[in-house]
C-alpha atoms as a PDB file:
ATOM      1  CA  MET A   1     -36.151  50.218  18.421  1.00  0.00           C
ATOM      2  CA  ASN A   2     -34.409  52.055  15.625  1.00  0.00           C
ATOM      3  CA  LYS A   3     -30.678  51.546  15.424  1.00  0.00           C
ATOM      4  CA  LEU A   4     -28.019  54.041  14.499  1.00  0.00           C
ATOM      5  CA  PHE A   5     -25.028  52.828  12.545  1.00  0.00           C
ATOM      6  CA  LEU A   6     -21.759  54.700  12.923  1.00  0.00           C
ATOM      7  CA  ILE A   7     -19.029  54.228  10.343  1.00  0.00           C
ATOM      8  CA  SER A   8     -15.607  55.785  10.817  1.00  0.00           C
ATOM      9  CA  ILE A   9     -13.064  55.591   8.031  1.00  0.00           C
ATOM     10  CA  SER A  10      -9.393  55.881   8.882  1.00  0.00           C
ATOM     11  CA  ALA A  11      -6.146  55.236   7.048  1.00  0.00           C
ATOM     12  CA  LEU A  12      -5.584  51.518   6.860  1.00  0.00           C
ATOM     13  CA  SER A  13      -2.267  49.596   2.383  1.00  0.00           C
ATOM     14  CA  THR A  14      -0.785  51.135  -0.571  1.00  0.00           C
ATOM     15  CA  PHE A  15      -2.356  49.652  -3.668  1.00  0.00           C
ATOM     16  CA  LEU A  16      -5.673  51.308  -4.341  1.00  0.00           C
ATOM     17  CA  VAL A  17      -6.766  54.905  -3.902  1.00  0.00           C
ATOM     18  CA  LEU A  18     -10.494  55.437  -4.137  1.00  0.00           C
ATOM     19  CA  SER A  19     -12.427  58.588  -4.717  1.00  0.00           C
ATOM     20  CA  TYR A  20     -15.410  58.803  -2.372  1.00  0.00           C
ATOM     21  CA  SER A  21     -18.669  60.258  -3.579  1.00  0.00           C
ATOM     22  CA  SER A  22     -20.865  61.861  -0.920  1.00  0.00           C
ATOM     23  CA  CYS A  23     -23.998  59.940  -0.053  1.00  0.00           C
ATOM     24  CA  ALA A  24     -27.333  61.302  -1.190  1.00  0.00           C
ATOM     25  CA  LEU A  25     -28.711  63.602   1.490  1.00  0.00           C
ATOM     26  CA  ASP A  26     -32.280  63.932   0.275  1.00  0.00           C
ATOM     27  CA  ASN A  27     -33.757  62.238   3.345  1.00  0.00           C
ATOM     28  CA  ILE A  28     -31.604  63.842   6.041  1.00  0.00           C
ATOM     29  CA  ALA A  29     -34.370  66.059   7.406  1.00  0.00           C
ATOM     30  CA  ASP A  30     -36.741  63.148   8.054  1.00  0.00           C
ATOM     31  CA  ALA A  31     -34.063  61.025   9.673  1.00  0.00           C
ATOM     32  CA  GLN A  32     -32.853  63.849  11.900  1.00  0.00           C
ATOM     33  CA  GLN A  33     -36.238  64.284  13.550  1.00  0.00           C
ATOM     34  CA  SER A  34     -35.845  61.134  15.657  1.00  0.00           C
ATOM     35  CA  VAL A  35     -32.240  61.742  16.705  1.00  0.00           C
ATOM     36  CA  ASN A  36     -30.889  63.659  19.678  1.00  0.00           C
ATOM     37  CA  GLN A  37     -28.896  66.196  17.704  1.00  0.00           C
ATOM     38  CA  GLN A  38     -26.987  67.512  20.724  1.00  0.00           C
ATOM     39  CA  LYS A  39     -25.664  64.062  21.626  1.00  0.00           C
ATOM     40  CA  LEU A  40     -24.929  63.328  18.003  1.00  0.00           C
ATOM     41  CA  ASN A  41     -22.981  66.558  17.607  1.00  0.00           C
ATOM     42  CA  ASP A  42     -21.085  65.871  20.828  1.00  0.00           C
ATOM     43  CA  ALA A  43     -20.139  62.422  19.506  1.00  0.00           C
ATOM     44  CA  PHE A  44     -18.916  63.890  16.228  1.00  0.00           C
ATOM     45  CA  ASN A  45     -16.861  66.507  18.068  1.00  0.00           C
ATOM     46  CA  THR A  46     -15.249  63.815  20.214  1.00  0.00           C
ATOM     47  CA  LEU A  47     -14.509  61.482  17.324  1.00  0.00           C
ATOM     48  CA  GLY A  48     -13.202  64.366  15.257  1.00  0.00           C
ATOM     49  CA  ASN A  49     -10.305  64.675  17.684  1.00  0.00           C
ATOM     50  CA  VAL A  50      -9.214  61.088  17.077  1.00  0.00           C
ATOM     51  CA  GLY A  51      -6.156  60.995  14.862  1.00  0.00           C
ATOM     52  CA  GLY A  52      -6.521  59.374  11.448  1.00  0.00           C
ATOM     53  CA  ILE A  53     -10.295  59.641  11.109  1.00  0.00           C
ATOM     54  CA  LYS A  54     -11.255  60.881   7.666  1.00  0.00           C
ATOM     55  CA  SER A  55     -15.051  60.790   7.752  1.00  0.00           C
ATOM     56  CA  ILE A  56     -18.003  59.833   9.910  1.00  0.00           C
ATOM     57  CA  ILE A  57     -21.409  58.863   8.582  1.00  0.00           C
ATOM     58  CA  VAL A  58     -24.465  58.052  10.687  1.00  0.00           C
ATOM     59  CA  SER A  59     -27.335  56.300   8.944  1.00  0.00           C
ATOM     60  CA  GLN A  60     -30.803  55.448  10.217  1.00  0.00           C
ATOM     61  CA  ASN A  61     -33.351  53.455   8.241  1.00  0.00           C
ATOM     62  CA  ASP A  62     -31.371  53.851   5.002  1.00  0.00           C
ATOM     63  CA  SER A  63     -31.184  57.624   5.409  1.00  0.00           C
ATOM     64  CA  ILE A  64     -28.121  59.721   6.216  1.00  0.00           C
ATOM     65  CA  VAL A  65     -28.577  61.500   9.557  1.00  0.00           C
ATOM     66  CA  LYS A  66     -25.225  63.259   9.647  1.00  0.00           C
ATOM     67  CA  GLU A  67     -21.906  63.102   7.824  1.00  0.00           C
ATOM     68  CA  GLN A  68     -18.725  65.055   8.365  1.00  0.00           C
ATOM     69  CA  PHE A  69     -15.167  65.008   7.038  1.00  0.00           C
ATOM     70  CA  PHE A  70     -11.989  65.543   9.035  1.00  0.00           C
ATOM     71  CA  ASN A  71      -8.222  65.975   8.638  1.00  0.00           C
ATOM     72  CA  SER A  72      -8.338  67.732   5.271  1.00  0.00           C
ATOM     73  CA  SER A  73     -10.593  65.057   3.804  1.00  0.00           C
ATOM     74  CA  GLY A  74     -13.724  65.625   1.772  1.00  0.00           C
ATOM     75  CA  PRO A  75     -16.260  63.965  -0.545  1.00  0.00           C
ATOM     76  CA  ASP A  76     -14.129  64.657  -3.623  1.00  0.00           C
ATOM     77  CA  ILE A  77     -10.695  63.955  -2.128  1.00  0.00           C
ATOM     78  CA  ALA A  78      -9.065  60.609  -2.951  1.00  0.00           C
ATOM     79  CA  HIS A  79      -8.132  58.474   0.042  1.00  0.00           C
ATOM     80  CA  ASP A  80      -5.454  55.791   0.309  1.00  0.00           C
ATOM     81  CA  VAL A  81      -7.450  52.821   1.576  1.00  0.00           C
ATOM     82  CA  ARG A  82      -4.449  50.587   2.282  1.00  0.00           C
ATOM     83  CA  SER A  83      -5.407  47.067   3.415  1.00  0.00           C
ATOM     84  CA  VAL A  84      -9.019  47.586   2.384  1.00  0.00           C
ATOM     85  CA  THR A  85      -7.504  46.661  -0.976  1.00  0.00           C
ATOM     86  CA  LYS A  86      -7.187  43.071   0.234  1.00  0.00           C
ATOM     87  CA  SER A  87     -10.957  42.861   0.605  1.00  0.00           C
ATOM     88  CA  VAL A  88     -11.397  44.373  -2.858  1.00  0.00           C
ATOM     89  CA  THR A  89      -9.028  41.755  -4.296  1.00  0.00           C
ATOM     90  CA  ALA A  90     -10.994  38.995  -2.580  1.00  0.00           C
ATOM     91  CA  LEU A  91     -14.193  40.376  -4.121  1.00  0.00           C
ATOM     92  CA  LEU A  92     -12.565  40.308  -7.559  1.00  0.00           C
ATOM     93  CA  ILE A  93     -11.549  36.667  -7.101  1.00  0.00           C
ATOM     94  CA  GLY A  94     -15.165  35.883  -6.191  1.00  0.00           C
ATOM     95  CA  ILE A  95     -16.391  37.692  -9.296  1.00  0.00           C
ATOM     96  CA  ALA A  96     -13.860  35.801 -11.428  1.00  0.00           C
ATOM     97  CA  ILE A  97     -15.163  32.503 -10.051  1.00  0.00           C
ATOM     98  CA  ASP A  98     -18.766  33.566 -10.626  1.00  0.00           C
ATOM     99  CA  LYS A  99     -17.982  34.457 -14.248  1.00  0.00           C
ATOM    100  CA  GLY A 100     -16.046  31.268 -14.899  1.00  0.00           C
ATOM    101  CA  TYR A 101     -12.546  32.684 -15.215  1.00  0.00           C
ATOM    102  CA  ILE A 102     -11.446  30.671 -12.160  1.00  0.00           C
ATOM    103  CA  PRO A 103     -13.025  27.270 -11.339  1.00  0.00           C
ATOM    104  CA  SER A 104     -12.953  27.624  -7.543  1.00  0.00           C
ATOM    105  CA  VAL A 105     -10.929  28.714  -4.532  1.00  0.00           C
ATOM    106  CA  GLU A 106      -9.463  25.202  -4.502  1.00  0.00           C
ATOM    107  CA  GLN A 107      -7.304  25.980  -7.545  1.00  0.00           C
ATOM    108  CA  GLU A 108      -3.572  25.701  -6.945  1.00  0.00           C
ATOM    109  CA  ILE A 109      -1.451  28.806  -7.435  1.00  0.00           C
ATOM    110  CA  GLY A 110       1.086  26.920  -9.544  1.00  0.00           C
ATOM    111  CA  ASP A 111      -1.513  26.645 -12.307  1.00  0.00           C
ATOM    112  CA  TYR A 112      -1.287  30.412 -12.772  1.00  0.00           C
ATOM    113  CA  LEU A 113       2.210  31.361 -11.629  1.00  0.00           C
ATOM    114  CA  THR A 114       4.327  28.698 -13.345  1.00  0.00           C
ATOM    115  CA  PRO A 115       3.944  30.354 -16.792  1.00  0.00           C
ATOM    116  CA  LEU A 116       5.333  33.556 -15.268  1.00  0.00           C
ATOM    117  CA  VAL A 117       8.189  32.378 -13.073  1.00  0.00           C
ATOM    118  CA  GLY A 118       8.947  28.833 -14.239  1.00  0.00           C
ATOM    119  CA  ASN A 119       8.885  25.704 -12.094  1.00  0.00           C
ATOM    120  CA  ILE A 120       7.779  26.215  -8.514  1.00  0.00           C
ATOM    121  CA  PRO A 121       8.547  23.708  -5.736  1.00  0.00           C
ATOM    122  CA  THR A 122       5.607  21.395  -5.149  1.00  0.00           C
ATOM    123  CA  ASP A 123       4.961  22.557  -1.582  1.00  0.00           C
ATOM    124  CA  LYS A 124       4.439  26.074  -2.928  1.00  0.00           C
ATOM    125  CA  SER A 125       2.731  25.347  -6.236  1.00  0.00           C
ATOM    126  CA  GLU A 126       0.070  23.318  -4.393  1.00  0.00           C
ATOM    127  CA  ILE A 127      -0.932  26.266  -2.211  1.00  0.00           C
ATOM    128  CA  LYS A 128      -4.574  27.039  -3.017  1.00  0.00           C
ATOM    129  CA  LEU A 129      -6.335  30.321  -3.650  1.00  0.00           C
ATOM    130  CA  ASN A 130      -8.290  29.683  -0.478  1.00  0.00           C
ATOM    131  CA  HIS A 131      -5.036  29.760   1.501  1.00  0.00           C
ATOM    132  CA  LEU A 132      -4.087  33.134   0.049  1.00  0.00           C
ATOM    133  CA  LEU A 133      -7.576  34.498   0.682  1.00  0.00           C
ATOM    134  CA  THR A 134      -7.445  33.423   4.330  1.00  0.00           C
ATOM    135  CA  MET A 135      -3.774  34.389   4.784  1.00  0.00           C
ATOM    136  CA  SER A 136      -2.895  30.835   5.712  1.00  0.00           C
ATOM    137  CA  SER A 137      -0.467  30.026   2.875  1.00  0.00           C
ATOM    138  CA  GLY A 138       2.222  28.819   5.283  1.00  0.00           C
ATOM    139  CA  PHE A 139       5.035  31.050   4.000  1.00  0.00           C
ATOM    140  CA  GLU A 140       7.660  32.211   6.459  1.00  0.00           C
ATOM    141  CA  TRP A 141       6.593  35.836   6.883  1.00  0.00           C
ATOM    142  CA  ASN A 142       6.715  38.443   9.643  1.00  0.00           C
ATOM    143  CA  GLU A 143       4.719  41.473   8.545  1.00  0.00           C
ATOM    144  CA  TRP A 144       2.323  41.956  11.455  1.00  0.00           C
ATOM    145  CA  GLY A 145       3.749  44.867  13.436  1.00  0.00           C
ATOM    146  CA  ASN A 146       6.958  44.723  11.389  1.00  0.00           C
ATOM    147  CA  TYR A 147       7.068  47.303   8.609  1.00  0.00           C
ATOM    148  CA  ASN A 148      10.525  46.173   7.501  1.00  0.00           C
ATOM    149  CA  GLU A 149       9.055  42.954   6.096  1.00  0.00           C
ATOM    150  CA  TYR A 150       6.513  44.843   4.033  1.00  0.00           C
ATOM    151  CA  ASN A 151       8.983  47.516   2.900  1.00  0.00           C
ATOM    152  CA  ASN A 152      11.631  44.979   1.900  1.00  0.00           C
ATOM    153  CA  TRP A 153       9.079  43.105  -0.172  1.00  0.00           C
ATOM    154  CA  TRP A 154       7.616  46.261  -1.736  1.00  0.00           C
ATOM    155  CA  ASN A 155      11.058  47.612  -2.641  1.00  0.00           C
ATOM    156  CA  SER A 156      12.356  44.317  -4.033  1.00  0.00           C
ATOM    157  CA  PRO A 157      12.951  44.162  -7.811  1.00  0.00           C
ATOM    158  CA  ASP A 158      10.573  41.202  -8.206  1.00  0.00           C
ATOM    159  CA  GLN A 159       7.840  40.943  -5.590  1.00  0.00           C
ATOM    160  CA  ILE A 160       6.577  37.558  -6.761  1.00  0.00           C
ATOM    161  CA  THR A 161       9.863  35.725  -6.461  1.00  0.00           C
ATOM    162  CA  TYR A 162      10.591  37.556  -3.218  1.00  0.00           C
ATOM    163  CA  LEU A 163       7.685  35.692  -1.649  1.00  0.00           C
ATOM    164  CA  LEU A 164       8.147  32.407  -3.507  1.00  0.00           C
ATOM    165  CA  ASN A 165      11.746  32.232  -2.280  1.00  0.00           C
ATOM    166  CA  ARG A 166      10.508  32.046   1.300  1.00  0.00           C
ATOM    167  CA  ASN A 167      10.262  28.685   3.046  1.00  0.00           C
ATOM    168  CA  ILE A 168       6.972  27.025   3.886  1.00  0.00           C
ATOM    169  CA  VAL A 169       6.937  26.807   7.683  1.00  0.00           C
ATOM    170  CA  TYR A 170       3.285  25.912   8.287  1.00  0.00           C
ATOM    171  CA  GLN A 171       0.952  23.465   6.599  1.00  0.00           C
ATOM    172  CA  PRO A 172      -1.155  25.623   4.248  1.00  0.00           C
ATOM    173  CA  GLY A 173      -4.539  26.247   5.792  1.00  0.00           C
ATOM    174  CA  SER A 174      -3.389  25.588   9.351  1.00  0.00           C
ATOM    175  CA  TYR A 175      -2.116  28.974  10.551  1.00  0.00           C
ATOM    176  CA  PHE A 176      -3.148  32.589   9.954  1.00  0.00           C
ATOM    177  CA  ASN A 177      -0.250  34.898   9.171  1.00  0.00           C
ATOM    178  CA  TYR A 178      -0.869  38.425   7.864  1.00  0.00           C
ATOM    179  CA  ASN A 179       0.778  38.622   4.439  1.00  0.00           C
ATOM    180  CA  SER A 180       0.359  41.454   1.921  1.00  0.00           C
ATOM    181  CA  ALA A 181       2.593  39.653  -0.584  1.00  0.00           C
ATOM    182  CA  GLY A 182       0.136  36.755  -0.685  1.00  0.00           C
ATOM    183  CA  SER A 183      -2.702  39.142  -1.484  1.00  0.00           C
ATOM    184  CA  ASN A 184      -0.619  40.557  -4.318  1.00  0.00           C
ATOM    185  CA  LEU A 185      -0.329  37.043  -5.751  1.00  0.00           C
ATOM    186  CA  LEU A 186      -4.119  36.957  -5.962  1.00  0.00           C
ATOM    187  CA  SER A 187      -4.034  40.018  -8.196  1.00  0.00           C
ATOM    188  CA  ILE A 188      -1.445  38.360 -10.430  1.00  0.00           C
ATOM    189  CA  ILE A 189      -3.538  35.189 -10.569  1.00  0.00           C
ATOM    190  CA  LEU A 190      -6.634  37.205 -11.465  1.00  0.00           C
ATOM    191  CA  SER A 191      -4.795  38.728 -14.424  1.00  0.00           C
ATOM    192  CA  GLN A 192      -3.508  35.349 -15.576  1.00  0.00           C
ATOM    193  CA  ALA A 193      -6.933  33.725 -15.309  1.00  0.00           C
ATOM    194  CA  SER A 194      -8.935  36.492 -16.980  1.00  0.00           C
ATOM    195  CA  GLY A 195      -6.458  37.748 -19.543  1.00  0.00           C
ATOM    196  CA  LYS A 196      -7.147  41.257 -18.252  1.00  0.00           C
ATOM    197  CA  LEU A 197      -5.125  43.576 -16.089  1.00  0.00           C
ATOM    198  CA  ALA A 198      -6.566  43.425 -12.584  1.00  0.00           C
ATOM    199  CA  GLU A 199      -7.242  47.153 -12.807  1.00  0.00           C
ATOM    200  CA  ASP A 200      -9.310  46.715 -15.976  1.00  0.00           C
ATOM    201  CA  PHE A 201     -11.113  43.700 -14.514  1.00  0.00           C
ATOM    202  CA  ALA A 202     -11.982  45.721 -11.406  1.00  0.00           C
ATOM    203  CA  LYS A 203     -13.305  48.635 -13.440  1.00  0.00           C
ATOM    204  CA  GLU A 204     -15.444  46.428 -15.672  1.00  0.00           C
ATOM    205  CA  PHE A 205     -16.995  44.152 -13.098  1.00  0.00           C
ATOM    206  CA  LEU A 206     -16.889  46.038  -9.790  1.00  0.00           C
ATOM    207  CA  PHE A 207     -16.169  49.746  -9.818  1.00  0.00           C
ATOM    208  CA  ASN A 208     -18.062  50.889 -12.895  1.00  0.00           C
ATOM    209  CA  PRO A 209     -21.276  49.032 -11.954  1.00  0.00           C
ATOM    210  CA  LEU A 210     -21.080  50.640  -8.487  1.00  0.00           C
ATOM    211  CA  GLU A 211     -20.208  54.058  -9.973  1.00  0.00           C
ATOM    212  CA  ILE A 212     -16.968  54.157  -7.991  1.00  0.00           C
ATOM    213  CA  ASN A 213     -14.096  56.181  -9.420  1.00  0.00           C
ATOM    214  CA  PHE A 214     -10.492  55.648  -8.399  1.00  0.00           C
ATOM    215  CA  GLN A 215      -7.342  57.577  -9.208  1.00  0.00           C
ATOM    216  CA  SER A 216      -4.451  55.208  -8.588  1.00  0.00           C
ATOM    217  CA  TRP A 217      -3.855  51.483  -8.997  1.00  0.00           C
ATOM    218  CA  LYS A 218      -0.264  50.594  -8.163  1.00  0.00           C
ATOM    219  CA  LYS A 219       1.371  47.644  -9.918  1.00  0.00           C
ATOM    220  CA  ASP A 220       4.194  45.322  -8.976  1.00  0.00           C
ATOM    221  CA  LYS A 221       7.526  45.908 -10.670  1.00  0.00           C
ATOM    222  CA  VAL A 222       7.760  42.906 -12.977  1.00  0.00           C
ATOM    223  CA  HIS A 223       4.545  40.967 -13.540  1.00  0.00           C
ATOM    224  CA  TYR A 224       2.037  43.752 -13.970  1.00  0.00           C
ATOM    225  CA  SER A 225      -1.373  42.992 -12.598  1.00  0.00           C
END
């Protein structure tokens, strides 16, 4: 049985704004022949009334059956992808490991951050990249459902030290705790390891090869990444 895949894109973090290029529609006619267009249209109409949805794409057998944009969105309109950025950052760390800039996810963050901020307490310097990637660094942090935590960090004069000044309340690797500041550290570490701004690294090794254009890459206030 053929399967239909439905992808809905809604607003999720504030670092990266991507420009979406419309998928090739050359094979739409063939794919549409095996789809109940009335039911498909009804589904699109229903989903189009859901707040925050920007686009819907239905694909069958590698062909686009139907795509539609909502809420003033469009194929050439940049979209703030919010926490999708965390996945992009994780991809960049993987690329950096593959290309030899970073030995492995077992590297300790102190190896990269000490040159920027000076001596870091041992319990923090020994946190590994793997802990940041899995949001299990152990820092005292209360961002999930609490925008004040995120806003206070984002508006602080030095976002790195803002996080590093927090206590370690869990053994790293033992407890998941959603933490945007930890993901930002990964971007800083990427820059330190590669000698390139994270933005330039992303363009060279990820976005340009995929022919993805983006219009905004926000940086922290002190240690640009």
